[in-house]
């Protein structure tokens, strides 16, 4: 497992900018925090769940066939990964990579997303 993807537990101190935000908190409460080390704007990004090992994705081509593509990636978190090269805006990547039969060369259709 990549070190960057492993979960870590650390103890931190938080100082609220607005004390009224902490009125109902009690000692011993736990919280999840995301530490932002770098931030990018106006970049192409994909769901991190679409990535296979070695920064590969499956792209749905115009014929309805899945094509494997190697990407050059930038910063990422649990939700999104920046794409530096290997994909164009508007191309559709597969996010259900664990589903049976999902592989390069297979034909696929797009399922509507359920919110």
PDB file of N, CA and C in Angstrom:
ATOM      1  N   UNK A   1       0.845  -1.183   0.000  1.00  0.00           N
ATOM      2  CA  UNK A   1       0.000   0.000   0.000  1.00  0.00           C
ATOM      3  C   UNK A   1       0.884   1.237   0.000  1.00  0.00           C
ATOM      4  N   UNK A   2       0.519   2.214  -0.823  1.00  0.00           N
ATOM      5  CA  UNK A   2       1.275   3.462  -0.865  1.00  0.00           C
ATOM      6  C   UNK A   2       1.200   4.156   0.480  1.00  0.00           C
ATOM      7  N   UNK A   3       2.330   4.685   0.906  1.00  0.00           N
ATOM      8  CA  UNK A   3       2.369   5.373   2.194  1.00  0.00           C
ATOM      9  C   UNK A   3       1.381   6.537   2.230  1.00  0.00           C
ATOM     10  N   UNK A   4       1.258   7.270   1.103  1.00  0.00           N
ATOM     11  CA  UNK A   4       0.381   8.433   1.084  1.00  0.00           C
ATOM     12  C   UNK A   4      -1.085   8.057   1.221  1.00  0.00           C
ATOM     13  N   UNK A   5      -1.457   6.811   0.950  1.00  0.00           N
ATOM     14  CA  UNK A   5      -2.850   6.399   1.026  1.00  0.00           C
ATOM     15  C   UNK A   5      -3.206   5.779   2.383  1.00  0.00           C
ATOM     16  N   UNK A   6      -2.202   5.561   3.227  1.00  0.00           N
ATOM     17  CA  UNK A   6      -2.466   4.963   4.524  1.00  0.00           C
ATOM     18  C   UNK A   6      -3.068   5.990   5.467  1.00  0.00           C
ATOM     19  N   UNK A   7      -3.980   5.521   6.291  1.00  0.00           N
ATOM     20  CA  UNK A   7      -4.618   6.394   7.268  1.00  0.00           C
ATOM     21  C   UNK A   7      -3.701   6.545   8.479  1.00  0.00           C
ATOM     22  N   UNK A   8      -3.630   7.726   8.990  1.00  0.00           N
ATOM     23  CA  UNK A   8      -2.809   8.014  10.176  1.00  0.00           C
ATOM     24  C   UNK A   8      -3.674   8.689  11.227  1.00  0.00           C
ATOM     25  N   UNK A   9      -3.357   8.459  12.481  1.00  0.00           N
ATOM     26  CA  UNK A   9      -4.028   9.143  13.579  1.00  0.00           C
ATOM     27  C   UNK A   9      -2.980   9.972  14.303  1.00  0.00           C
ATOM     28  N   UNK A  10      -3.261  11.244  14.441  1.00  0.00           N
ATOM     29  CA  UNK A  10      -2.358  12.142  15.158  1.00  0.00           C
ATOM     30  C   UNK A  10      -3.187  13.013  16.075  1.00  0.00           C
ATOM     31  N   UNK A  11      -2.556  13.491  17.119  1.00  0.00           N
ATOM     32  CA  UNK A  11      -3.229  14.400  18.043  1.00  0.00           C
ATOM     33  C   UNK A  11      -2.881  15.824  17.649  1.00  0.00           C
ATOM     34  N   UNK A  12      -3.908  16.665  17.554  1.00  0.00           N
ATOM     35  CA  UNK A  12      -3.687  18.062  17.201  1.00  0.00           C
ATOM     36  C   UNK A  12      -4.474  18.949  18.153  1.00  0.00           C
ATOM     37  N   UNK A  13      -4.098  20.203  18.225  1.00  0.00           N
ATOM     38  CA  UNK A  13      -4.861  21.195  18.980  1.00  0.00           C
ATOM     39  C   UNK A  13      -5.528  22.111  17.978  1.00  0.00           C
ATOM     40  N   UNK A  14      -6.780  22.447  18.248  1.00  0.00           N
ATOM     41  CA  UNK A  14      -7.538  23.331  17.366  1.00  0.00           C
ATOM     42  C   UNK A  14      -7.934  24.564  18.144  1.00  0.00           C
ATOM     43  N   UNK A  15      -7.741  25.707  17.529  1.00  0.00           N
ATOM     44  CA  UNK A  15      -8.138  26.976  18.125  1.00  0.00           C
ATOM     45  C   UNK A  15      -9.217  27.558  17.219  1.00  0.00           C
ATOM     46  N   UNK A  16     -10.434  27.685  17.735  1.00  0.00           N
ATOM     47  CA  UNK A  16     -11.549  28.178  16.931  1.00  0.00           C
ATOM     48  C   UNK A  16     -11.468  29.687  16.755  1.00  0.00           C
ATOM     49  N   UNK A  17     -11.663  30.133  15.504  1.00  0.00           N
ATOM     50  CA  UNK A  17     -11.696  31.567  15.222  1.00  0.00           C
ATOM     51  C   UNK A  17     -12.953  32.199  15.805  1.00  0.00           C
ATOM     52  N   UNK A  18     -14.023  31.418  15.870  1.00  0.00           N
ATOM     53  CA  UNK A  18     -15.302  31.875  16.401  1.00  0.00           C
ATOM     54  C   UNK A  18     -15.648  30.990  17.603  1.00  0.00           C
ATOM     55  N   UNK A  19     -15.377  31.435  18.839  1.00  0.00           N
ATOM     56  CA  UNK A  19     -15.601  30.622  20.030  1.00  0.00           C
ATOM     57  C   UNK A  19     -17.012  30.048  20.130  1.00  0.00           C
ATOM     58  N   UNK A  20     -17.999  30.726  19.558  1.00  0.00           N
ATOM     59  CA  UNK A  20     -19.374  30.213  19.635  1.00  0.00           C
ATOM     60  C   UNK A  20     -19.522  28.876  18.891  1.00  0.00           C
ATOM     61  N   UNK A  21     -18.596  28.563  17.969  1.00  0.00           N
ATOM     62  CA  UNK A  21     -18.640  27.291  17.250  1.00  0.00           C
ATOM     63  C   UNK A  21     -18.353  26.097  18.157  1.00  0.00           C
ATOM     64  N   UNK A  22     -17.738  26.338  19.299  1.00  0.00           N
ATOM     65  CA  UNK A  22     -17.364  25.234  20.180  1.00  0.00           C
ATOM     66  C   UNK A  22     -18.216  25.163  21.449  1.00  0.00           C
ATOM     67  N   UNK A  23     -19.280  25.921  21.545  1.00  0.00           N
ATOM     68  CA  UNK A  23     -20.102  25.974  22.755  1.00  0.00           C
ATOM     69  C   UNK A  23     -20.647  24.614  23.186  1.00  0.00           C
ATOM     70  N   UNK A  24     -21.051  23.791  22.245  1.00  0.00           N
ATOM     71  CA  UNK A  24     -21.679  22.505  22.583  1.00  0.00           C
ATOM     72  C   UNK A  24     -20.706  21.335  22.598  1.00  0.00           C
ATOM     73  N   UNK A  25     -19.434  21.600  22.505  1.00  0.00           N
ATOM     74  CA  UNK A  25     -18.432  20.533  22.500  1.00  0.00           C
ATOM     75  C   UNK A  25     -18.012  20.191  23.919  1.00  0.00           C
ATOM     76  N   UNK A  26     -17.710  18.919  24.108  1.00  0.00           N
ATOM     77  CA  UNK A  26     -17.260  18.432  25.408  1.00  0.00           C
ATOM     78  C   UNK A  26     -15.864  17.845  25.282  1.00  0.00           C
ATOM     79  N   UNK A  27     -15.093  17.829  26.374  1.00  0.00           N
ATOM     80  CA  UNK A  27     -13.759  17.219  26.332  1.00  0.00           C
ATOM     81  C   UNK A  27     -13.864  15.759  25.887  1.00  0.00           C
ATOM     82  N   UNK A  28     -12.919  15.327  25.047  1.00  0.00           N
ATOM     83  CA  UNK A  28     -12.887  13.941  24.593  1.00  0.00           C
ATOM     84  C   UNK A  28     -13.568  13.720  23.252  1.00  0.00           C
ATOM     85  N   UNK A  29     -14.244  14.730  22.720  1.00  0.00           N
ATOM     86  CA  UNK A  29     -14.852  14.588  21.397  1.00  0.00           C
ATOM     87  C   UNK A  29     -13.763  14.284  20.378  1.00  0.00           C
ATOM     88  N   UNK A  30     -14.111  13.538  19.343  1.00  0.00           N
ATOM     89  CA  UNK A  30     -13.151  13.286  18.274  1.00  0.00           C
ATOM     90  C   UNK A  30     -13.622  14.001  17.016  1.00  0.00           C
ATOM     91  N   UNK A  31     -12.702  14.179  16.100  1.00  0.00           N
ATOM     92  CA  UNK A  31     -13.031  14.866  14.851  1.00  0.00           C
ATOM     93  C   UNK A  31     -12.132  14.343  13.745  1.00  0.00           C
ATOM     94  N   UNK A  32     -12.584  14.483  12.528  1.00  0.00           N
ATOM     95  CA  UNK A  32     -11.766  14.184  11.361  1.00  0.00           C
ATOM     96  C   UNK A  32     -11.305  15.511  10.785  1.00  0.00           C
ATOM     97  N   UNK A  33     -10.069  15.561  10.362  1.00  0.00           N
ATOM     98  CA  UNK A  33      -9.529  16.793   9.776  1.00  0.00           C
ATOM     99  C   UNK A  33      -8.749  16.448   8.518  1.00  0.00           C
ATOM    100  N   UNK A  34      -8.788  17.335   7.559  1.00  0.00           N
ATOM    101  CA  UNK A  34      -7.999  17.180   6.348  1.00  0.00           C
ATOM    102  C   UNK A  34      -6.927  18.253   6.370  1.00  0.00           C
ATOM    103  N   UNK A  35      -5.684  17.833   6.237  1.00  0.00           N
ATOM    104  CA  UNK A  35      -4.567  18.764   6.230  1.00  0.00           C
ATOM    105  C   UNK A  35      -4.238  19.082   4.778  1.00  0.00           C
ATOM    106  N   UNK A  36      -4.368  20.319   4.404  1.00  0.00           N
ATOM    107  CA  UNK A  36      -4.131  20.735   3.028  1.00  0.00           C
ATOM    108  C   UNK A  36      -2.707  21.268   2.928  1.00  0.00           C
ATOM    109  N   UNK A  37      -1.887  20.558   2.159  1.00  0.00           N
ATOM    110  CA  UNK A  37      -0.492  20.938   1.993  1.00  0.00           C
ATOM    111  C   UNK A  37      -0.260  21.707   0.706  1.00  0.00           C
ATOM    112  N   UNK A  38      -1.167  21.521  -0.263  1.00  0.00           N
ATOM    113  CA  UNK A  38      -1.035  22.192  -1.543  1.00  0.00           C
ATOM    114  C   UNK A  38      -2.425  22.352  -2.136  1.00  0.00           C
ATOM    115  N   UNK A  39      -2.634  23.405  -2.892  1.00  0.00           N
ATOM    116  CA  UNK A  39      -3.943  23.691  -3.466  1.00  0.00           C
ATOM    117  C   UNK A  39      -3.763  24.159  -4.905  1.00  0.00           C
ATOM    118  N   UNK A  40      -4.572  23.626  -5.817  1.00  0.00           N
ATOM    119  CA  UNK A  40      -4.536  24.023  -7.221  1.00  0.00           C
ATOM    120  C   UNK A  40      -5.923  24.484  -7.636  1.00  0.00           C
ATOM    121  N   UNK A  41      -5.993  25.432  -8.550  1.00  0.00           N
ATOM    122  CA  UNK A  41      -7.269  25.855  -9.119  1.00  0.00           C
ATOM    123  C   UNK A  41      -7.187  25.746 -10.632  1.00  0.00           C
ATOM    124  N   UNK A  42      -8.336  25.671 -11.268  1.00  0.00           N
ATOM    125  CA  UNK A  42      -8.423  25.625 -12.728  1.00  0.00           C
ATOM    126  C   UNK A  42      -7.593  24.486 -13.323  1.00  0.00           C
ATOM    127  N   UNK A  43      -7.765  23.276 -12.780  1.00  0.00           N
ATOM    128  CA  UNK A  43      -7.054  22.105 -13.292  1.00  0.00           C
ATOM    129  C   UNK A  43      -8.055  21.038 -13.704  1.00  0.00           C
ATOM    130  N   UNK A  44      -7.623  20.123 -14.552  1.00  0.00           N
ATOM    131  CA  UNK A  44      -8.422  18.960 -14.903  1.00  0.00           C
ATOM    132  C   UNK A  44      -8.253  17.940 -13.783  1.00  0.00           C
ATOM    133  N   UNK A  45      -9.359  17.414 -13.293  1.00  0.00           N
ATOM    134  CA  UNK A  45      -9.278  16.419 -12.215  1.00  0.00           C
ATOM    135  C   UNK A  45     -10.281  15.314 -12.491  1.00  0.00           C
ATOM    136  N   UNK A  46      -9.989  14.142 -11.928  1.00  0.00           N
ATOM    137  CA  UNK A  46     -10.881  12.995 -12.043  1.00  0.00           C
ATOM    138  C   UNK A  46     -11.117  12.433 -10.644  1.00  0.00           C
ATOM    139  N   UNK A  47     -12.178  11.654 -10.469  1.00  0.00           N
ATOM    140  CA  UNK A  47     -12.358  10.979  -9.183  1.00  0.00           C
ATOM    141  C   UNK A  47     -11.179  10.036  -8.940  1.00  0.00           C
ATOM    142  N   UNK A  48     -10.608  10.068  -7.754  1.00  0.00           N
ATOM    143  CA  UNK A  48      -9.467   9.203  -7.429  1.00  0.00           C
ATOM    144  C   UNK A  48      -9.814   7.727  -7.573  1.00  0.00           C
ATOM    145  N   UNK A  49     -11.091   7.386  -7.387  1.00  0.00           N
ATOM    146  CA  UNK A  49     -11.520   5.998  -7.500  1.00  0.00           C
ATOM    147  C   UNK A  49     -11.415   5.454  -8.925  1.00  0.00           C
ATOM    148  N   UNK A  50     -11.194   6.325  -9.913  1.00  0.00           N
ATOM    149  CA  UNK A  50     -11.079   5.893 -11.306  1.00  0.00           C
ATOM    150  C   UNK A  50      -9.675   5.397 -11.645  1.00  0.00           C
ATOM    151  N   UNK A  51      -8.708   5.613 -10.767  1.00  0.00           N
ATOM    152  CA  UNK A  51      -7.316   5.247 -11.050  1.00  0.00           C
ATOM    153  C   UNK A  51      -7.007   3.793 -10.721  1.00  0.00           C
ATOM    154  N   UNK A  52      -6.370   3.124 -11.673  1.00  0.00           N
ATOM    155  CA  UNK A  52      -5.763   1.823 -11.437  1.00  0.00           C
ATOM    156  C   UNK A  52      -4.338   2.068 -10.948  1.00  0.00           C
ATOM    157  N   UNK A  53      -3.611   0.989 -10.644  1.00  0.00           N
ATOM    158  CA  UNK A  53      -2.203   1.125 -10.285  1.00  0.00           C
ATOM    159  C   UNK A  53      -1.445   1.825 -11.403  1.00  0.00           C
ATOM    160  N   UNK A  54      -0.381   2.473 -11.052  1.00  0.00           N
ATOM    161  CA  UNK A  54       0.501   3.167 -12.006  1.00  0.00           C
ATOM    162  C   UNK A  54      -0.219   4.258 -12.793  1.00  0.00           C
ATOM    163  N   UNK A  55      -1.219   4.895 -12.182  1.00  0.00           N
ATOM    164  CA  UNK A  55      -1.921   6.039 -12.782  1.00  0.00           C
ATOM    165  C   UNK A  55      -2.534   5.733 -14.142  1.00  0.00           C
ATOM    166  N   UNK A  56      -3.170   4.589 -14.248  1.00  0.00           N
ATOM    167  CA  UNK A  56      -3.876   4.228 -15.465  1.00  0.00           C
ATOM    168  C   UNK A  56      -5.381   4.384 -15.245  1.00  0.00           C
ATOM    169  N   UNK A  57      -6.105   4.730 -16.304  1.00  0.00           N
ATOM    170  CA  UNK A  57      -7.559   4.823 -16.267  1.00  0.00           C
ATOM    171  C   UNK A  57      -8.124   4.123 -17.497  1.00  0.00           C
ATOM    172  N   UNK A  58      -9.416   3.868 -17.448  1.00  0.00           N
ATOM    173  CA  UNK A  58     -10.135   3.390 -18.619  1.00  0.00           C
ATOM    174  C   UNK A  58     -11.001   4.536 -19.121  1.00  0.00           C
ATOM    175  N   UNK A  59     -10.871   4.838 -20.415  1.00  0.00           N
ATOM    176  CA  UNK A  59     -11.608   5.925 -21.050  1.00  0.00           C
ATOM    177  C   UNK A  59     -12.608   5.308 -22.019  1.00  0.00           C
ATOM    178  N   UNK A  60     -13.827   5.828 -22.031  1.00  0.00           N
ATOM    179  CA  UNK A  60     -14.846   5.366 -22.964  1.00  0.00           C
ATOM    180  C   UNK A  60     -14.656   6.135 -24.274  1.00  0.00           C
ATOM    181  N   UNK A  61     -14.284   5.403 -25.357  1.00  0.00           N
ATOM    182  CA  UNK A  61     -14.073   6.099 -26.633  1.00  0.00           C
ATOM    183  C   UNK A  61     -15.390   6.262 -27.383  1.00  0.00           C
ATOM    184  N   UNK A  62     -15.357   6.921 -28.512  1.00  0.00           N
ATOM    185  CA  UNK A  62     -16.579   7.252 -29.262  1.00  0.00           C
ATOM    186  C   UNK A  62     -17.301   6.018 -29.798  1.00  0.00           C
ATOM    187  N   UNK A  63     -16.613   4.881 -29.888  1.00  0.00           N
ATOM    188  CA  UNK A  63     -17.231   3.635 -30.344  1.00  0.00           C
ATOM    189  C   UNK A  63     -17.870   2.846 -29.202  1.00  0.00           C
ATOM    190  N   UNK A  64     -17.784   3.358 -27.977  1.00  0.00           N
ATOM    191  CA  UNK A  64     -18.338   2.659 -26.821  1.00  0.00           C
ATOM    192  C   UNK A  64     -17.410   1.601 -26.257  1.00  0.00           C
ATOM    193  N   UNK A  65     -16.159   1.640 -26.663  1.00  0.00           N
ATOM    194  CA  UNK A  65     -15.174   0.669 -26.184  1.00  0.00           C
ATOM    195  C   UNK A  65     -14.265   1.324 -25.147  1.00  0.00           C
ATOM    196  N   UNK A  66     -13.861   0.532 -24.153  1.00  0.00           N
ATOM    197  CA  UNK A  66     -12.972   1.035 -23.097  1.00  0.00           C
ATOM    198  C   UNK A  66     -11.528   0.953 -23.556  1.00  0.00           C
ATOM    199  N   UNK A  67     -10.816   2.039 -23.393  1.00  0.00           N
ATOM    200  CA  UNK A  67      -9.422   2.139 -23.785  1.00  0.00           C
ATOM    201  C   UNK A  67      -8.591   2.483 -22.558  1.00  0.00           C
ATOM    202  N   UNK A  68      -7.515   1.728 -22.339  1.00  0.00           N
ATOM    203  CA  UNK A  68      -6.634   2.023 -21.205  1.00  0.00           C
ATOM    204  C   UNK A  68      -5.763   3.219 -21.563  1.00  0.00           C
ATOM    205  N   UNK A  69      -5.552   4.093 -20.589  1.00  0.00           N
ATOM    206  CA  UNK A  69      -4.771   5.298 -20.813  1.00  0.00           C
ATOM    207  C   UNK A  69      -3.850   5.513 -19.623  1.00  0.00           C
ATOM    208  N   UNK A  70      -2.613   5.854 -19.893  1.00  0.00           N
ATOM    209  CA  UNK A  70      -1.628   6.198 -18.866  1.00  0.00           C
ATOM    210  C   UNK A  70      -1.695   7.699 -18.629  1.00  0.00           C
ATOM    211  N   UNK A  71      -1.791   8.115 -17.376  1.00  0.00           N
ATOM    212  CA  UNK A  71      -1.871   9.531 -17.044  1.00  0.00           C
ATOM    213  C   UNK A  71      -0.634   9.996 -16.303  1.00  0.00           C
ATOM    214  N   UNK A  72      -0.345  11.259 -16.455  1.00  0.00           N
ATOM    215  CA  UNK A  72       0.618  11.933 -15.576  1.00  0.00           C
ATOM    216  C   UNK A  72      -0.245  12.724 -14.607  1.00  0.00           C
ATOM    217  N   UNK A  73      -0.105  12.443 -13.323  1.00  0.00           N
ATOM    218  CA  UNK A  73      -0.974  13.056 -12.330  1.00  0.00           C
ATOM    219  C   UNK A  73      -0.211  14.039 -11.452  1.00  0.00           C
ATOM    220  N   UNK A  74      -0.977  14.917 -10.823  1.00  0.00           N
ATOM    221  CA  UNK A  74      -0.423  15.895  -9.893  1.00  0.00           C
ATOM    222  C   UNK A  74      -0.892  15.587  -8.482  1.00  0.00           C
ATOM    223  N   UNK A  75      -1.365  16.606  -7.800  1.00  0.00           N
ATOM    224  CA  UNK A  75      -1.780  16.424  -6.413  1.00  0.00           C
ATOM    225  C   UNK A  75      -3.096  15.641  -6.357  1.00  0.00           C
ATOM    226  N   UNK A  76      -3.323  14.981  -5.225  1.00  0.00           N
ATOM    227  CA  UNK A  76      -4.551  14.206  -5.069  1.00  0.00           C
ATOM    228  C   UNK A  76      -4.928  14.113  -3.601  1.00  0.00           C
ATOM    229  N   UNK A  77      -6.176  13.749  -3.398  1.00  0.00           N
ATOM    230  CA  UNK A  77      -6.653  13.412  -2.057  1.00  0.00           C
ATOM    231  C   UNK A  77      -7.560  12.189  -2.207  1.00  0.00           C
ATOM    232  N   UNK A  78      -8.339  11.879  -1.203  1.00  0.00           N
ATOM    233  CA  UNK A  78      -9.198  10.695  -1.259  1.00  0.00           C
ATOM    234  C   UNK A  78     -10.268  10.825  -2.331  1.00  0.00           C
ATOM    235  N   UNK A  79     -10.611  12.059  -2.722  1.00  0.00           N
ATOM    236  CA  UNK A  79     -11.734  12.276  -3.631  1.00  0.00           C
ATOM    237  C   UNK A  79     -11.321  12.554  -5.074  1.00  0.00           C
ATOM    238  N   UNK A  80     -10.312  13.370  -5.282  1.00  0.00           N
ATOM    239  CA  UNK A  80      -9.949  13.785  -6.633  1.00  0.00           C
ATOM    240  C   UNK A  80      -8.447  13.715  -6.855  1.00  0.00           C
ATOM    241  N   UNK A  81      -8.067  13.534  -8.139  1.00  0.00           N
ATOM    242  CA  UNK A  81      -6.670  13.526  -8.554  1.00  0.00           C
ATOM    243  C   UNK A  81      -6.510  14.463  -9.738  1.00  0.00           C
ATOM    244  N   UNK A  82      -5.520  15.329  -9.660  1.00  0.00           N
ATOM    245  CA  UNK A  82      -5.227  16.260 -10.749  1.00  0.00           C
ATOM    246  C   UNK A  82      -4.611  15.499 -11.919  1.00  0.00           C
ATOM    247  N   UNK A  83      -5.052  15.814 -13.133  1.00  0.00           N
ATOM    248  CA  UNK A  83      -4.498  15.208 -14.344  1.00  0.00           C
ATOM    249  C   UNK A  83      -3.664  16.261 -15.065  1.00  0.00           C
ATOM    250  N   UNK A  84      -2.379  15.981 -15.206  1.00  0.00           N
ATOM    251  CA  UNK A  84      -1.464  16.898 -15.879  1.00  0.00           C
ATOM    252  C   UNK A  84      -1.386  16.578 -17.367  1.00  0.00           C
ATOM    253  N   UNK A  85      -1.395  15.272 -17.707  1.00  0.00           N
ATOM    254  CA  UNK A  85      -1.281  14.864 -19.106  1.00  0.00           C
ATOM    255  C   UNK A  85      -1.909  13.491 -19.296  1.00  0.00           C
ATOM    256  N   UNK A  86      -2.427  13.250 -20.501  1.00  0.00           N
ATOM    257  CA  UNK A  86      -2.963  11.942 -20.847  1.00  0.00           C
ATOM    258  C   UNK A  86      -4.473  11.893 -20.954  1.00  0.00           C
ATOM    259  N   UNK A  87      -5.145  13.001 -20.665  1.00  0.00           N
ATOM    260  CA  UNK A  87      -6.600  13.044 -20.708  1.00  0.00           C
ATOM    261  C   UNK A  87      -7.021  14.461 -21.068  1.00  0.00           C
ATOM    262  N   UNK A  88      -8.095  14.561 -21.840  1.00  0.00           N
ATOM    263  CA  UNK A  88      -8.623  15.872 -22.208  1.00  0.00           C
ATOM    264  C   UNK A  88      -9.925  16.131 -21.474  1.00  0.00           C
ATOM    265  N   UNK A  89     -10.216  17.379 -21.225  1.00  0.00           N
ATOM    266  CA  UNK A  89     -11.487  17.757 -20.598  1.00  0.00           C
ATOM    267  C   UNK A  89     -12.624  17.217 -21.451  1.00  0.00           C
ATOM    268  N   UNK A  90     -13.630  16.639 -20.806  1.00  0.00           N
ATOM    269  CA  UNK A  90     -14.787  16.102 -21.502  1.00  0.00           C
ATOM    270  C   UNK A  90     -14.708  14.613 -21.780  1.00  0.00           C
ATOM    271  N   UNK A  91     -13.510  14.027 -21.744  1.00  0.00           N
ATOM    272  CA  UNK A  91     -13.408  12.578 -21.928  1.00  0.00           C
ATOM    273  C   UNK A  91     -13.984  11.890 -20.697  1.00  0.00           C
ATOM    274  N   UNK A  92     -14.611  10.746 -20.911  1.00  0.00           N
ATOM    275  CA  UNK A  92     -15.275  10.040 -19.817  1.00  0.00           C
ATOM    276  C   UNK A  92     -14.429   8.874 -19.333  1.00  0.00           C
ATOM    277  N   UNK A  93     -14.175   8.858 -18.019  1.00  0.00           N
ATOM    278  CA  UNK A  93     -13.401   7.780 -17.414  1.00  0.00           C
ATOM    279  C   UNK A  93     -14.330   6.878 -16.606  1.00  0.00           C
ATOM    280  N   UNK A  94     -13.933   5.629 -16.480  1.00  0.00           N
ATOM    281  CA  UNK A  94     -14.711   4.643 -15.739  1.00  0.00           C
ATOM    282  C   UNK A  94     -14.400   4.778 -14.252  1.00  0.00           C
ATOM    283  N   UNK A  95     -15.451   4.857 -13.439  1.00  0.00           N
ATOM    284  CA  UNK A  95     -15.259   4.905 -11.988  1.00  0.00           C
ATOM    285  C   UNK A  95     -15.609   3.579 -11.329  1.00  0.00           C
ATOM    286  N   UNK A  96     -16.266   2.686 -12.044  1.00  0.00           N
ATOM    287  CA  UNK A  96     -16.645   1.382 -11.484  1.00  0.00           C
ATOM    288  C   UNK A  96     -15.619   0.329 -11.902  1.00  0.00           C
ATOM    289  N   UNK A  97     -14.349   0.578 -11.590  1.00  0.00           N
ATOM    290  CA  UNK A  97     -13.270  -0.284 -12.070  1.00  0.00           C
ATOM    291  C   UNK A  97     -13.257  -1.663 -11.430  1.00  0.00           C
ATOM    292  N   UNK A  98     -13.953  -1.847 -10.320  1.00  0.00           N
ATOM    293  CA  UNK A  98     -13.992  -3.143  -9.645  1.00  0.00           C
ATOM    294  C   UNK A  98     -15.086  -4.057 -10.199  1.00  0.00           C
ATOM    295  N   UNK A  99     -15.958  -3.523 -11.031  1.00  0.00           N
ATOM    296  CA  UNK A  99     -17.073  -4.296 -11.577  1.00  0.00           C
ATOM    297  C   UNK A  99     -16.562  -5.368 -12.538  1.00  0.00           C
ATOM    298  N   UNK A 100     -17.165  -6.522 -12.498  1.00  0.00           N
ATOM    299  CA  UNK A 100     -16.776  -7.643 -13.347  1.00  0.00           C
ATOM    300  C   UNK A 100     -16.891  -7.263 -14.823  1.00  0.00           C
ATOM    301  N   UNK A 101     -15.883  -7.626 -15.604  1.00  0.00           N
ATOM    302  CA  UNK A 101     -15.890  -7.372 -17.034  1.00  0.00           C
ATOM    303  C   UNK A 101     -15.395  -5.998 -17.443  1.00  0.00           C
ATOM    304  N   UNK A 102     -15.089  -5.143 -16.475  1.00  0.00           N
ATOM    305  CA  UNK A 102     -14.590  -3.800 -16.798  1.00  0.00           C
ATOM    306  C   UNK A 102     -13.090  -3.915 -17.051  1.00  0.00           C
ATOM    307  N   UNK A 103     -12.727  -3.806 -18.338  1.00  0.00           N
ATOM    308  CA  UNK A 103     -11.323  -3.918 -18.733  1.00  0.00           C
ATOM    309  C   UNK A 103     -11.148  -3.298 -20.110  1.00  0.00           C
ATOM    310  N   UNK A 104      -9.900  -3.017 -20.468  1.00  0.00           N
ATOM    311  CA  UNK A 104      -9.603  -2.447 -21.774  1.00  0.00           C
ATOM    312  C   UNK A 104     -10.125  -3.372 -22.869  1.00  0.00           C
ATOM    313  N   UNK A 105     -10.755  -2.786 -23.882  1.00  0.00           N
ATOM    314  CA  UNK A 105     -11.290  -3.556 -24.996  1.00  0.00           C
ATOM    315  C   UNK A 105     -12.756  -3.921 -24.850  1.00  0.00           C
ATOM    316  N   UNK A 106     -13.277  -3.873 -23.626  1.00  0.00           N
ATOM    317  CA  UNK A 106     -14.692  -4.200 -23.398  1.00  0.00           C
ATOM    318  C   UNK A 106     -15.557  -3.054 -23.901  1.00  0.00           C
ATOM    319  N   UNK A 107     -16.785  -3.392 -24.292  1.00  0.00           N
ATOM    320  CA  UNK A 107     -17.743  -2.359 -24.684  1.00  0.00           C
ATOM    321  C   UNK A 107     -18.562  -1.980 -23.463  1.00  0.00           C
ATOM    322  N   UNK A 108     -18.914  -0.720 -23.374  1.00  0.00           N
ATOM    323  CA  UNK A 108     -19.598  -0.228 -22.176  1.00  0.00           C
ATOM    324  C   UNK A 108     -20.658   0.802 -22.545  1.00  0.00           C
ATOM    325  N   UNK A 109     -21.588   0.997 -21.640  1.00  0.00           N
ATOM    326  CA  UNK A 109     -22.578   2.060 -21.756  1.00  0.00           C
ATOM    327  C   UNK A 109     -22.544   2.864 -20.466  1.00  0.00           C
ATOM    328  N   UNK A 110     -23.024   4.075 -20.547  1.00  0.00           N
ATOM    329  CA  UNK A 110     -23.029   4.956 -19.381  1.00  0.00           C
ATOM    330  C   UNK A 110     -24.318   4.751 -18.609  1.00  0.00           C
ATOM    331  N   UNK A 111     -24.194   4.516 -17.308  1.00  0.00           N
ATOM    332  CA  UNK A 111     -25.347   4.395 -16.439  1.00  0.00           C
ATOM    333  C   UNK A 111     -25.634   5.751 -15.811  1.00  0.00           C
ATOM    334  N   UNK A 112     -26.911   6.110 -15.692  1.00  0.00           N
ATOM    335  CA  UNK A 112     -27.233   7.387 -15.030  1.00  0.00           C
ATOM    336  C   UNK A 112     -26.798   7.347 -13.571  1.00  0.00           C
ATOM    337  N   UNK A 113     -26.310   8.488 -13.084  1.00  0.00           N
ATOM    338  CA  UNK A 113     -25.899   8.572 -11.688  1.00  0.00           C
ATOM    339  C   UNK A 113     -27.126   8.794 -10.808  1.00  0.00           C
ATOM    340  N   UNK A 114     -27.116   8.165  -9.658  1.00  0.00           N
ATOM    341  CA  UNK A 114     -28.219   8.317  -8.703  1.00  0.00           C
ATOM    342  C   UNK A 114     -27.733   9.164  -7.542  1.00  0.00           C
ATOM    343  N   UNK A 115     -28.429  10.246  -7.273  1.00  0.00           N
ATOM    344  CA  UNK A 115     -28.035  11.118  -6.162  1.00  0.00           C
ATOM    345  C   UNK A 115     -28.835  10.831  -4.926  1.00  0.00           C
TER     346      UNK A 115
END
